[in-house]
C-alpha atoms as a PDB file:
ATOM      1  CA  MET A   1      67.911 105.698  14.052  1.00  0.00           C
ATOM      2  CA  PRO A   2      69.848 102.655  12.758  1.00  0.00           C
ATOM      3  CA  LEU A   3      69.190  99.440  14.645  1.00  0.00           C
ATOM      4  CA  LEU A   4      72.838  98.983  15.623  1.00  0.00           C
ATOM      5  CA  HIS A   5      73.002 102.505  17.029  1.00  0.00           C
ATOM      6  CA  GLN A   6      69.719 101.952  18.892  1.00  0.00           C
ATOM      7  CA  TYR A   7      71.144  98.801  20.453  1.00  0.00           C
ATOM      8  CA  TRP A   8      74.332 100.617  21.491  1.00  0.00           C
ATOM      9  CA  VAL A   9      72.402 103.506  23.041  1.00  0.00           C
ATOM     10  CA  ARG A  10      70.068 101.112  24.874  1.00  0.00           C
ATOM     11  CA  GLN A  11      73.020  99.196  26.332  1.00  0.00           C
ATOM     12  CA  ARG A  12      74.704 102.416  27.427  1.00  0.00           C
ATOM     13  CA  LEU A  13      71.503 103.652  29.062  1.00  0.00           C
ATOM     14  CA  GLN A  14      71.037 100.301  30.796  1.00  0.00           C
ATOM     15  CA  ALA A  15      74.492 100.699  32.339  1.00  0.00           C
ATOM     16  CA  GLU A  16      74.353 104.422  33.137  1.00  0.00           C
ATOM     17  CA  LEU A  17      70.763 105.278  34.069  1.00  0.00           C
ATOM     18  CA  PRO A  18      70.499 103.615  37.519  1.00  0.00           C
ATOM     19  CA  GLU A  19      73.062 106.011  39.028  1.00  0.00           C
ATOM     20  CA  VAL A  20      71.744 108.968  37.013  1.00  0.00           C
ATOM     21  CA  LEU A  21      68.091 108.406  37.933  1.00  0.00           C
ATOM     22  CA  LEU A  22      69.027 107.885  41.578  1.00  0.00           C
ATOM     23  CA  MET A  23      70.363 111.446  41.554  1.00  0.00           C
ATOM     24  CA  LEU A  24      67.208 112.649  39.807  1.00  0.00           C
ATOM     25  CA  SER A  25      64.953 110.942  42.348  1.00  0.00           C
ATOM     26  CA  SER A  26      66.842 112.528  45.251  1.00  0.00           C
ATOM     27  CA  LEU A  27      66.252 115.970  43.718  1.00  0.00           C
ATOM     28  CA  LEU A  28      62.559 115.234  43.222  1.00  0.00           C
ATOM     29  CA  SER A  29      62.304 114.034  46.834  1.00  0.00           C
ATOM     30  CA  ALA A  30      63.838 117.342  47.926  1.00  0.00           C
ATOM     31  CA  GLY A  31      60.938 119.193  46.293  1.00  0.00           C
ATOM     32  CA  ILE A  32      62.678 120.450  43.151  1.00  0.00           C
ATOM     33  CA  ALA A  33      60.456 120.736  40.070  1.00  0.00           C
ATOM     34  CA  ILE A  34      60.941 117.971  37.535  1.00  0.00           C
ATOM     35  CA  GLU A  35      62.139 120.238  34.709  1.00  0.00           C
ATOM     36  CA  GLN A  36      64.744 121.883  36.933  1.00  0.00           C
ATOM     37  CA  ALA A  37      65.778 118.508  38.365  1.00  0.00           C
ATOM     38  CA  LEU A  38      66.238 117.138  34.844  1.00  0.00           C
ATOM     39  CA  ARG A  39      68.345 120.152  33.860  1.00  0.00           C
ATOM     40  CA  TYR A  40      70.563 119.852  36.953  1.00  0.00           C
ATOM     41  CA  THR A  41      71.008 116.081  36.531  1.00  0.00           C
ATOM     42  CA  SER A  42      71.818 116.535  32.839  1.00  0.00           C
ATOM     43  CA  ASP A  43      74.465 119.163  33.631  1.00  0.00           C
ATOM     44  CA  ALA A  44      76.004 116.956  36.341  1.00  0.00           C
ATOM     45  CA  CYS A  45      75.959 113.823  34.173  1.00  0.00           C
ATOM     46  CA  SER A  46      79.173 112.960  32.318  1.00  0.00           C
ATOM     47  CA  HIS A  47      77.712 110.173  30.158  1.00  0.00           C
ATOM     48  CA  ARG A  48      76.782 111.230  26.647  1.00  0.00           C
ATOM     49  CA  ALA A  49      73.896 108.781  26.159  1.00  0.00           C
ATOM     50  CA  SER A  50      72.306 109.622  29.513  1.00  0.00           C
ATOM     51  CA  LYS A  51      72.785 113.343  28.947  1.00  0.00           C
ATOM     52  CA  ALA A  52      70.975 113.104  25.595  1.00  0.00           C
ATOM     53  CA  TYR A  53      68.145 111.098  27.178  1.00  0.00           C
ATOM     54  CA  LEU A  54      67.733 113.583  30.038  1.00  0.00           C
ATOM     55  CA  LYS A  55      67.623 116.438  27.534  1.00  0.00           C
ATOM     56  CA  ALA A  56      64.917 114.594  25.584  1.00  0.00           C
ATOM     57  CA  LEU A  57      62.972 114.092  28.828  1.00  0.00           C
ATOM     58  CA  ARG A  58      63.250 117.795  29.660  1.00  0.00           C
ATOM     59  CA  ASP A  59      62.043 118.778  26.193  1.00  0.00           C
ATOM     60  CA  GLY A  60      59.194 116.283  26.476  1.00  0.00           C
ATOM     61  CA  VAL A  61      58.099 117.657  29.863  1.00  0.00           C
ATOM     62  CA  ARG A  62      58.204 121.190  28.439  1.00  0.00           C
ATOM     63  CA  ASP A  63      56.018 120.075  25.518  1.00  0.00           C
ATOM     64  CA  GLY A  64      53.548 118.279  27.795  1.00  0.00           C
ATOM     65  CA  GLN A  65      54.548 114.728  26.858  1.00  0.00           C
ATOM     66  CA  SER A  66      54.525 111.807  29.265  1.00  0.00           C
ATOM     67  CA  LEU A  67      57.926 110.510  30.384  1.00  0.00           C
ATOM     68  CA  SER A  68      57.257 107.020  29.025  1.00  0.00           C
ATOM     69  CA  SER A  69      56.614 108.352  25.503  1.00  0.00           C
ATOM     70  CA  VAL A  70      60.059 109.971  25.113  1.00  0.00           C
ATOM     71  CA  THR A  71      62.608 108.112  22.918  1.00  0.00           C
ATOM     72  CA  THR A  72      60.846 104.803  23.448  1.00  0.00           C
ATOM     73  CA  GLU A  73      63.067 103.018  20.913  1.00  0.00           C
ATOM     74  CA  VAL A  74      66.182 103.240  23.106  1.00  0.00           C
ATOM     75  CA  VAL A  75      64.826 103.233  26.672  1.00  0.00           C
ATOM     76  CA  PRO A  76      65.469  99.966  28.579  1.00  0.00           C
ATOM     77  CA  THR A  77      62.293  97.886  28.661  1.00  0.00           C
ATOM     78  CA  TRP A  78      61.892  97.654  32.418  1.00  0.00           C
ATOM     79  CA  LEU A  79      62.512 101.368  32.898  1.00  0.00           C
ATOM     80  CA  MET A  80      59.699 102.005  30.413  1.00  0.00           C
ATOM     81  CA  VAL A  81      57.412  99.774  32.494  1.00  0.00           C
ATOM     82  CA  MET A  82      58.390 101.616  35.677  1.00  0.00           C
ATOM     83  CA  LEU A  83      57.784 105.034  34.088  1.00  0.00           C
ATOM     84  CA  ARG A  84      54.314 103.945  32.996  1.00  0.00           C
ATOM     85  CA  THR A  85      53.694 102.714  36.520  1.00  0.00           C
ATOM     86  CA  ALA A  86      54.748 106.108  37.876  1.00  0.00           C
ATOM     87  CA  GLU A  87      52.292 107.815  35.547  1.00  0.00           C
ATOM     88  CA  LEU A  88      49.489 105.652  36.977  1.00  0.00           C
ATOM     89  CA  THR A  89      50.423 105.967  40.654  1.00  0.00           C
ATOM     90  CA  GLY A  90      52.007 109.434  40.751  1.00  0.00           C
ATOM     91  CA  GLU A  91      54.951 108.102  42.781  1.00  0.00           C
ATOM     92  CA  LEU A  92      57.722 109.068  40.351  1.00  0.00           C
ATOM     93  CA  SER A  93      60.392 109.790  42.961  1.00  0.00           C
ATOM     94  CA  LYS A  94      59.767 106.577  44.922  1.00  0.00           C
ATOM     95  CA  ILE A  95      59.617 104.431  41.804  1.00  0.00           C
ATOM     96  CA  LEU A  96      62.849 105.871  40.391  1.00  0.00           C
ATOM     97  CA  THR A  97      64.568 105.380  43.750  1.00  0.00           C
ATOM     98  CA  ASP A  98      63.390 101.779  44.089  1.00  0.00           C
ATOM     99  CA  TRP A  99      64.240 100.897  40.482  1.00  0.00           C
ATOM    100  CA  SER A 100      67.681 102.508  40.675  1.00  0.00           C
ATOM    101  CA  THR A 101      68.726 101.013  44.017  1.00  0.00           C
ATOM    102  CA  GLN A 102      67.445  97.539  43.146  1.00  0.00           C
ATOM    103  CA  THR A 103      69.053  97.627  39.693  1.00  0.00           C
ATOM    104  CA  ILE A 104      72.378  98.825  41.110  1.00  0.00           C
ATOM    105  CA  GLU A 105      72.306  96.041  43.706  1.00  0.00           C
ATOM    106  CA  GLN A 106      71.440  93.464  41.064  1.00  0.00           C
ATOM    107  CA  LYS A 107      74.271  94.652  38.806  1.00  0.00           C
ATOM    108  CA  ARG A 108      76.667  94.463  41.743  1.00  0.00           C
ATOM    109  CA  TRP A 109      75.958  90.853  42.675  1.00  0.00           C
ATOM    110  CA  ILE A 110      75.814  89.713  39.036  1.00  0.00           C
ATOM    111  CA  ALA A 111      79.230  91.317  38.483  1.00  0.00           C
ATOM    112  CA  ASP A 112      80.470  89.521  41.607  1.00  0.00           C
ATOM    113  CA  ILE A 113      79.258  86.171  40.242  1.00  0.00           C
ATOM    114  CA  ARG A 114      80.895  86.831  36.880  1.00  0.00           C
ATOM    115  CA  ARG A 115      84.159  87.698  38.589  1.00  0.00           C
ATOM    116  CA  LYS A 116      84.080  84.472  40.593  1.00  0.00           C
ATOM    117  CA  ALA A 117      83.224  82.450  37.485  1.00  0.00           C
ATOM    118  CA  ALA A 118      86.001  84.003  35.385  1.00  0.00           C
ATOM    119  CA  TYR A 119      88.753  81.603  36.505  1.00  0.00           C
ATOM    120  CA  PRO A 120      86.750  78.371  35.930  1.00  0.00           C
ATOM    121  CA  LEU A 121      85.742  79.671  32.510  1.00  0.00           C
ATOM    122  CA  LEU A 122      89.378  80.450  31.773  1.00  0.00           C
ATOM    123  CA  LEU A 123      90.280  76.880  32.720  1.00  0.00           C
ATOM    124  CA  LEU A 124      87.576  75.565  30.396  1.00  0.00           C
ATOM    125  CA  VAL A 125      88.935  77.653  27.537  1.00  0.00           C
ATOM    126  CA  GLY A 126      92.464  76.489  28.361  1.00  0.00           C
ATOM    127  CA  THR A 127      91.322  72.865  28.331  1.00  0.00           C
ATOM    128  CA  PHE A 128      89.653  73.325  24.951  1.00  0.00           C
ATOM    129  CA  VAL A 129      92.725  75.044  23.450  1.00  0.00           C
ATOM    130  CA  THR A 130      94.990  72.308  24.842  1.00  0.00           C
ATOM    131  CA  MET A 131      92.793  69.630  23.278  1.00  0.00           C
ATOM    132  CA  MET A 132      92.867  71.374  19.902  1.00  0.00           C
ATOM    133  CA  VAL A 133      96.664  71.824  19.946  1.00  0.00           C
ATOM    134  CA  ILE A 134      97.317  68.206  20.919  1.00  0.00           C
ATOM    135  CA  GLY A 135      94.797  66.802  18.452  1.00  0.00           C
ATOM    136  CA  ASN A 136      95.709  68.968  15.457  1.00  0.00           C
ATOM    137  CA  VAL A 137      99.441  69.678  15.924  1.00  0.00           C
ATOM    138  CA  VAL A 138     101.217  67.311  18.320  1.00  0.00           C
ATOM    139  CA  ILE A 139      99.671  63.934  17.405  1.00  0.00           C
ATOM    140  CA  PRO A 140      99.913  64.376  13.583  1.00  0.00           C
ATOM    141  CA  GLN A 141     103.620  65.289  13.912  1.00  0.00           C
ATOM    142  CA  PHE A 142     104.391  62.160  15.928  1.00  0.00           C
ATOM    143  CA  GLU A 143     102.412  60.000  13.515  1.00  0.00           C
ATOM    144  CA  HIS A 144     104.351  61.460  10.586  1.00  0.00           C
ATOM    145  CA  MET A 145     107.683  60.860  12.351  1.00  0.00           C
ATOM    146  CA  TYR A 146     106.925  57.174  12.920  1.00  0.00           C
ATOM    147  CA  LEU A 147     105.846  56.708   9.311  1.00  0.00           C
ATOM    148  CA  GLU A 148     109.027  58.365   7.989  1.00  0.00           C
ATOM    149  CA  MET A 149     111.184  56.128  10.181  1.00  0.00           C
ATOM    150  CA  GLY A 150     109.326  53.002   9.022  1.00  0.00           C
ATOM    151  CA  GLN A 151     108.476  51.984  12.563  1.00  0.00           C
ATOM    152  CA  PRO A 152     105.110  50.702  13.833  1.00  0.00           C
ATOM    153  CA  ILE A 153     103.107  53.113  15.921  1.00  0.00           C
ATOM    154  CA  PRO A 154     103.133  52.012  19.608  1.00  0.00           C
ATOM    155  CA  SER A 155      99.864  50.715  21.044  1.00  0.00           C
ATOM    156  CA  GLY A 156      99.678  53.489  23.656  1.00  0.00           C
ATOM    157  CA  MET A 157     100.026  56.124  20.986  1.00  0.00           C
ATOM    158  CA  ARG A 158      97.393  54.424  18.818  1.00  0.00           C
ATOM    159  CA  THR A 159      95.000  54.543  21.769  1.00  0.00           C
ATOM    160  CA  VAL A 160      95.650  58.258  22.295  1.00  0.00           C
ATOM    161  CA  MET A 161      95.211  58.920  18.580  1.00  0.00           C
ATOM    162  CA  GLY A 162      91.917  57.008  18.545  1.00  0.00           C
ATOM    163  CA  VAL A 163      90.610  58.995  21.497  1.00  0.00           C
ATOM    164  CA  TRP A 164      91.611  62.314  19.957  1.00  0.00           C
ATOM    165  CA  HIS A 165      89.989  61.407  16.645  1.00  0.00           C
ATOM    166  CA  LEU A 166      86.722  60.925  18.557  1.00  0.00           C
ATOM    167  CA  VAL A 167      86.883  64.371  20.187  1.00  0.00           C
ATOM    168  CA  PRO A 168      85.590  66.374  17.160  1.00  0.00           C
ATOM    169  CA  GLU A 169      82.769  63.864  16.666  1.00  0.00           C
ATOM    170  CA  LEU A 170      81.768  64.068  20.323  1.00  0.00           C
ATOM    171  CA  MET A 171      81.855  67.872  20.248  1.00  0.00           C
ATOM    172  CA  GLY A 172      79.759  67.877  17.075  1.00  0.00           C
ATOM    173  CA  ALA A 173      77.222  65.535  18.680  1.00  0.00           C
ATOM    174  CA  VAL A 174      76.984  67.777  21.750  1.00  0.00           C
ATOM    175  CA  LEU A 175      76.491  70.816  19.511  1.00  0.00           C
ATOM    176  CA  VAL A 176      73.738  69.103  17.494  1.00  0.00           C
ATOM    177  CA  ILE A 177      71.927  67.890  20.626  1.00  0.00           C
ATOM    178  CA  SER A 178      72.152  71.355  22.217  1.00  0.00           C
ATOM    179  CA  THR A 179      70.791  72.989  19.053  1.00  0.00           C
ATOM    180  CA  LEU A 180      67.890  70.534  18.816  1.00  0.00           C
ATOM    181  CA  TRP A 181      67.106  71.057  22.506  1.00  0.00           C
ATOM    182  CA  ALA A 182      67.091  74.853  22.076  1.00  0.00           C
ATOM    183  CA  VAL A 183      64.820  74.623  19.012  1.00  0.00           C
ATOM    184  CA  ALA A 184      62.450  72.216  20.775  1.00  0.00           C
ATOM    185  CA  GLY A 185      62.189  74.653  23.678  1.00  0.00           C
ATOM    186  CA  HIS A 186      60.455  77.149  21.364  1.00  0.00           C
ATOM    187  CA  ILE A 187      57.789  74.716  20.096  1.00  0.00           C
ATOM    188  CA  PRO A 188      54.608  75.094  22.214  1.00  0.00           C
ATOM    189  CA  GLY A 189      53.460  71.503  21.721  1.00  0.00           C
ATOM    190  CA  VAL A 190      56.812  70.130  22.869  1.00  0.00           C
ATOM    191  CA  VAL A 191      57.197  72.472  25.842  1.00  0.00           C
ATOM    192  CA  SER A 192      53.790  71.537  27.250  1.00  0.00           C
ATOM    193  CA  SER A 193      54.357  67.775  26.967  1.00  0.00           C
ATOM    194  CA  ARG A 194      55.019  65.646  30.050  1.00  0.00           C
ATOM    195  CA  VAL A 195      58.083  64.028  28.490  1.00  0.00           C
ATOM    196  CA  TRP A 196      59.707  67.425  27.909  1.00  0.00           C
ATOM    197  CA  LYS A 197      58.982  68.590  31.447  1.00  0.00           C
ATOM    198  CA  SER A 198      60.317  65.355  32.911  1.00  0.00           C
ATOM    199  CA  CYS A 199      63.527  65.515  30.851  1.00  0.00           C
ATOM    200  CA  LYS A 200      64.067  69.169  31.700  1.00  0.00           C
ATOM    201  CA  ARG A 201      63.507  68.528  35.403  1.00  0.00           C
ATOM    202  CA  HIS A 202      66.299  65.937  35.488  1.00  0.00           C
ATOM    203  CA  LEU A 203      68.860  68.021  33.605  1.00  0.00           C
ATOM    204  CA  PRO A 204      71.952  69.161  35.550  1.00  0.00           C
ATOM    205  CA  GLY A 205      71.570  72.756  36.650  1.00  0.00           C
ATOM    206  CA  HIS A 206      67.778  72.836  36.250  1.00  0.00           C
ATOM    207  CA  GLN A 207      67.224  73.724  39.909  1.00  0.00           C
ATOM    208  CA  LEU A 208      69.667  76.596  39.539  1.00  0.00           C
ATOM    209  CA  ILE A 209      67.665  77.902  36.563  1.00  0.00           C
ATOM    210  CA  VAL A 210      64.421  77.614  38.563  1.00  0.00           C
ATOM    211  CA  LEU A 211      66.028  79.523  41.437  1.00  0.00           C
ATOM    212  CA  HIS A 212      67.222  82.299  39.131  1.00  0.00           C
ATOM    213  CA  ARG A 213      63.820  82.591  37.446  1.00  0.00           C
ATOM    214  CA  THR A 214      62.104  82.786  40.829  1.00  0.00           C
ATOM    215  CA  HIS A 215      64.430  85.606  41.797  1.00  0.00           C
ATOM    216  CA  ARG A 216      63.909  87.436  38.499  1.00  0.00           C
ATOM    217  CA  PHE A 217      60.123  87.128  38.696  1.00  0.00           C
ATOM    218  CA  CYS A 218      59.921  88.282  42.321  1.00  0.00           C
ATOM    219  CA  PHE A 219      62.385  91.119  41.699  1.00  0.00           C
ATOM    220  CA  THR A 220      60.260  92.555  38.884  1.00  0.00           C
ATOM    221  CA  LEU A 221      56.828  91.982  40.404  1.00  0.00           C
ATOM    222  CA  ALA A 222      57.937  93.358  43.778  1.00  0.00           C
ATOM    223  CA  LEU A 223      59.120  96.592  42.165  1.00  0.00           C
ATOM    224  CA  LEU A 224      55.772  97.096  40.436  1.00  0.00           C
ATOM    225  CA  THR A 225      53.523  96.174  43.365  1.00  0.00           C
ATOM    226  CA  ASP A 226      55.640  98.109  45.861  1.00  0.00           C
ATOM    227  CA  ALA A 227      55.250 101.143  43.592  1.00  0.00           C
ATOM    228  CA  GLY A 228      51.491 100.964  44.115  1.00  0.00           C
ATOM    229  CA  LEU A 229      50.430  99.121  40.975  1.00  0.00           C
ATOM    230  CA  PRO A 230      47.637  96.555  41.522  1.00  0.00           C
ATOM    231  CA  LEU A 231      48.680  92.930  41.131  1.00  0.00           C
ATOM    232  CA  LEU A 232      46.667  92.312  37.966  1.00  0.00           C
ATOM    233  CA  ASP A 233      47.990  95.485  36.301  1.00  0.00           C
ATOM    234  CA  ALA A 234      51.560  94.589  37.302  1.00  0.00           C
ATOM    235  CA  LEU A 235      51.236  91.094  35.845  1.00  0.00           C
ATOM    236  CA  THR A 236      49.690  92.502  32.672  1.00  0.00           C
ATOM    237  CA  ALA A 237      52.595  94.932  32.289  1.00  0.00           C
ATOM    238  CA  MET A 238      55.074  92.080  32.743  1.00  0.00           C
ATOM    239  CA  GLY A 239      53.147  89.968  30.246  1.00  0.00           C
ATOM    240  CA  ASN A 240      53.543  92.665  27.601  1.00  0.00           C
ATOM    241  CA  VAL A 241      57.354  92.595  27.828  1.00  0.00           C
ATOM    242  CA  HIS A 242      58.435  90.176  25.101  1.00  0.00           C
ATOM    243  CA  ARG A 243      62.226  90.357  25.516  1.00  0.00           C
ATOM    244  CA  GLU A 244      62.068  87.675  28.238  1.00  0.00           C
ATOM    245  CA  ARG A 245      59.656  85.146  26.757  1.00  0.00           C
ATOM    246  CA  TRP A 246      59.387  82.861  29.779  1.00  0.00           C
ATOM    247  CA  LEU A 247      58.651  85.819  32.082  1.00  0.00           C
ATOM    248  CA  SER A 248      55.944  87.279  29.855  1.00  0.00           C
ATOM    249  CA  GLN A 249      54.346  83.843  29.395  1.00  0.00           C
ATOM    250  CA  VAL A 250      54.182  82.969  33.085  1.00  0.00           C
ATOM    251  CA  SER A 251      52.970  86.492  33.931  1.00  0.00           C
ATOM    252  CA  ARG A 252      50.068  86.138  31.503  1.00  0.00           C
ATOM    253  CA  GLU A 253      49.168  82.728  32.940  1.00  0.00           C
ATOM    254  CA  ILE A 254      49.135  84.064  36.511  1.00  0.00           C
ATOM    255  CA  ALA A 255      47.169  87.150  35.412  1.00  0.00           C
ATOM    256  CA  GLU A 256      44.460  84.910  33.931  1.00  0.00           C
ATOM    257  CA  GLN A 257      44.069  83.083  37.247  1.00  0.00           C
ATOM    258  CA  VAL A 258      44.103  86.318  39.256  1.00  0.00           C
ATOM    259  CA  SER A 259      41.338  87.718  37.045  1.00  0.00           C
ATOM    260  CA  THR A 260      39.155  84.696  37.911  1.00  0.00           C
ATOM    261  CA  GLY A 261      39.516  85.398  41.647  1.00  0.00           C
ATOM    262  CA  ALA A 262      41.612  82.343  42.505  1.00  0.00           C
ATOM    263  CA  ARG A 263      43.614  82.207  45.730  1.00  0.00           C
ATOM    264  CA  LEU A 264      47.162  83.541  45.582  1.00  0.00           C
ATOM    265  CA  SER A 265      48.657  80.147  46.444  1.00  0.00           C
ATOM    266  CA  ARG A 266      46.849  78.656  43.456  1.00  0.00           C
ATOM    267  CA  CYS A 267      47.759  81.540  41.132  1.00  0.00           C
ATOM    268  CA  PHE A 268      51.452  81.214  41.934  1.00  0.00           C
ATOM    269  CA  ASP A 269      51.448  77.431  41.794  1.00  0.00           C
ATOM    270  CA  GLY A 270      54.130  76.592  39.256  1.00  0.00           C
ATOM    271  CA  GLU A 271      57.743  75.605  38.755  1.00  0.00           C
ATOM    272  CA  TRP A 272      59.202  77.969  41.332  1.00  0.00           C
ATOM    273  CA  ASP A 273      61.595  77.654  44.219  1.00  0.00           C
ATOM    274  CA  PRO A 274      59.704  76.454  47.352  1.00  0.00           C
ATOM    275  CA  LEU A 275      60.550  79.748  49.081  1.00  0.00           C
ATOM    276  CA  LEU A 276      57.985  81.536  46.910  1.00  0.00           C
ATOM    277  CA  ALA A 277      55.160  79.208  47.981  1.00  0.00           C
ATOM    278  CA  LEU A 278      56.029  79.755  51.655  1.00  0.00           C
ATOM    279  CA  GLN A 279      56.040  83.538  51.259  1.00  0.00           C
ATOM    280  CA  ILE A 280      52.776  83.512  49.268  1.00  0.00           C
ATOM    281  CA  GLN A 281      51.115  81.572  52.095  1.00  0.00           C
ATOM    282  CA  ARG A 282      52.325  84.240  54.505  1.00  0.00           C
ATOM    283  CA  ALA A 283      51.025  86.974  52.180  1.00  0.00           C
ATOM    284  CA  GLU A 284      47.553  85.378  52.152  1.00  0.00           C
ATOM    285  CA  ILE A 285      47.450  85.834  55.925  1.00  0.00           C
ATOM    286  CA  SER A 286      49.141  89.241  56.209  1.00  0.00           C
ATOM    287  CA  GLY A 287      47.816  90.752  52.978  1.00  0.00           C
ATOM    288  CA  ASP A 288      51.241  92.236  52.190  1.00  0.00           C
ATOM    289  CA  LEU A 289      52.185  90.633  48.870  1.00  0.00           C
ATOM    290  CA  SER A 290      54.854  93.198  48.048  1.00  0.00           C
ATOM    291  CA  ASP A 291      56.770  92.465  51.263  1.00  0.00           C
ATOM    292  CA  ALA A 292      56.529  88.713  50.619  1.00  0.00           C
ATOM    293  CA  LEU A 293      57.911  89.150  47.101  1.00  0.00           C
ATOM    294  CA  LEU A 294      60.742  91.388  48.314  1.00  0.00           C
ATOM    295  CA  LYS A 295      61.752  88.851  50.971  1.00  0.00           C
ATOM    296  CA  THR A 296      61.631  86.051  48.393  1.00  0.00           C
ATOM    297  CA  GLU A 297      63.836  88.096  46.058  1.00  0.00           C
ATOM    298  CA  VAL A 298      66.425  88.625  48.805  1.00  0.00           C
ATOM    299  CA  LEU A 299      66.415  84.976  49.918  1.00  0.00           C
ATOM    300  CA  THR A 300      66.571  83.501  46.412  1.00  0.00           C
ATOM    301  CA  ARG A 301      69.371  85.872  45.452  1.00  0.00           C
ATOM    302  CA  ALA A 302      71.416  84.796  48.490  1.00  0.00           C
ATOM    303  CA  GLU A 303      70.731  81.113  47.757  1.00  0.00           C
ATOM    304  CA  PHE A 304      71.660  81.539  44.088  1.00  0.00           C
ATOM    305  CA  ILE A 305      74.977  83.163  45.032  1.00  0.00           C
ATOM    306  CA  ARG A 306      75.650  80.406  47.587  1.00  0.00           C
ATOM    307  CA  ARG A 307      75.079  77.656  45.014  1.00  0.00           C
ATOM    308  CA  ILE A 308      77.261  79.365  42.422  1.00  0.00           C
ATOM    309  CA  GLU A 309      80.007  79.663  45.033  1.00  0.00           C
ATOM    310  CA  ARG A 310      79.630  75.975  45.915  1.00  0.00           C
ATOM    311  CA  ILE A 311      79.946  74.976  42.244  1.00  0.00           C
ATOM    312  CA  ARG A 312      83.017  77.159  41.896  1.00  0.00           C
ATOM    313  CA  THR A 313      84.756  75.580  44.894  1.00  0.00           C
ATOM    314  CA  TRP A 314      84.809  72.122  43.283  1.00  0.00           C
ATOM    315  CA  LEU A 315      84.907  73.182  39.631  1.00  0.00           C
ATOM    316  CA  GLU A 316      88.231  75.039  39.833  1.00  0.00           C
ATOM    317  CA  PRO A 317      90.323  72.194  41.345  1.00  0.00           C
ATOM    318  CA  SER A 318      88.521  69.614  39.193  1.00  0.00           C
ATOM    319  CA  LEU A 319      89.358  71.491  36.007  1.00  0.00           C
ATOM    320  CA  SER A 320      92.959  72.012  37.138  1.00  0.00           C
ATOM    321  CA  VAL A 321      93.351  68.276  37.799  1.00  0.00           C
ATOM    322  CA  ALA A 322      91.641  67.423  34.496  1.00  0.00           C
ATOM    323  CA  VAL A 323      93.966  69.678  32.497  1.00  0.00           C
ATOM    324  CA  GLY A 324      97.004  68.243  34.288  1.00  0.00           C
ATOM    325  CA  LEU A 325      95.924  64.642  33.679  1.00  0.00           C
ATOM    326  CA  LEU A 326      95.062  65.415  30.077  1.00  0.00           C
ATOM    327  CA  ILE A 327      98.470  66.842  29.330  1.00  0.00           C
ATOM    328  CA  GLY A 328     100.362  64.306  31.468  1.00  0.00           C
ATOM    329  CA  VAL A 329      98.760  61.159  30.037  1.00  0.00           C
ATOM    330  CA  THR A 330      99.001  62.425  26.470  1.00  0.00           C
ATOM    331  CA  MET A 331     102.641  63.469  26.757  1.00  0.00           C
ATOM    332  CA  TYR A 332     103.548  60.176  28.444  1.00  0.00           C
ATOM    333  CA  SER A 333     101.855  58.166  25.692  1.00  0.00           C
ATOM    334  CA  LEU A 334     103.608  60.186  22.991  1.00  0.00           C
ATOM    335  CA  TYR A 335     107.099  60.839  24.286  1.00  0.00           C
ATOM    336  CA  VAL A 336     107.982  57.633  26.176  1.00  0.00           C
ATOM    337  CA  PRO A 337     107.654  55.422  23.039  1.00  0.00           C
ATOM    338  CA  MET A 338     109.645  58.004  21.076  1.00  0.00           C
ATOM    339  CA  TYR A 339     112.465  58.013  23.625  1.00  0.00           C
ATOM    340  CA  THR A 340     112.473  54.192  23.588  1.00  0.00           C
ATOM    341  CA  LEU A 341     112.683  54.177  19.786  1.00  0.00           C
ATOM    342  CA  ILE A 342     115.538  56.682  19.752  1.00  0.00           C
ATOM    343  CA  SER A 343     117.374  54.605  22.375  1.00  0.00           C
ATOM    344  CA  ASP A 344     116.970  51.425  20.294  1.00  0.00           C
ATOM    345  CA  ILE A 345     118.182  53.122  17.115  1.00  0.00           C
ATOM    346  CA  SER A 346     121.212  54.641  18.822  1.00  0.00           C
END
């Protein structure tokens, strides 16, 4: 299967399977045999990619294959992990239900965040387009007009022109710095250095990234442990998923400490939101790690949404004012001297 087609099928399955597998899990919970449940779900499904996957699952079950070994090249990574977990625990219906409901909920709130962020992003794009039009169209025309008329360029206009000539250089510098930062983040020696950690800790938005990673980690680990998988096996499974490098790396590090018999609070000691440490302390007393992780996932998700909403409340008016000032100051600096010149000539 061509790589591009594999990617398309995987994306379609990622979008379609939560609802489809929720139907399948309800049939399995009702006592229907898996082959019949797969056939019914496939007939009721209107999505082509999901229908083909369900048919492949049905054929695999008929041939005695495990569910996790069917069309592995297109199955979403975390669904593959959950299917392997179901094969170990025997809780296929529960695992499919938990994965589907949690994934649907996650998609819902992520879509809500994207919808709220759409207008600020549109303002950012509008600001960038306005800057490009003024710098590449408006200012050169005015400069050419003054030169043709043999008049000196007003000081205000020269200031605006100087600022706009710096814009491409500033944008290029930001791009170079961002590229170097991204490359440095993949060098093990740099990432582990104290200087790197200190710089990263003081970057704007770092706490938001930590909060999101805490949520993502707890969301995944809670699904696996709640499905009945032992903690060490769950961490090992997460460590073998290489699509999210930071998640696989931290899972392997925690798994190493768990294997040595260290306390949970020490195993989970890292760059997490403080909520995780509080819940882990509670889990050491109650013994219910899965419940602690689920509560952390819910709390960090709510806090992440709250912070995004808070950023949006000041970002939208700030960008609107910035665009207005940008256009107003530039137009004043360009047109007022031109009107004065025309008045003097007339």
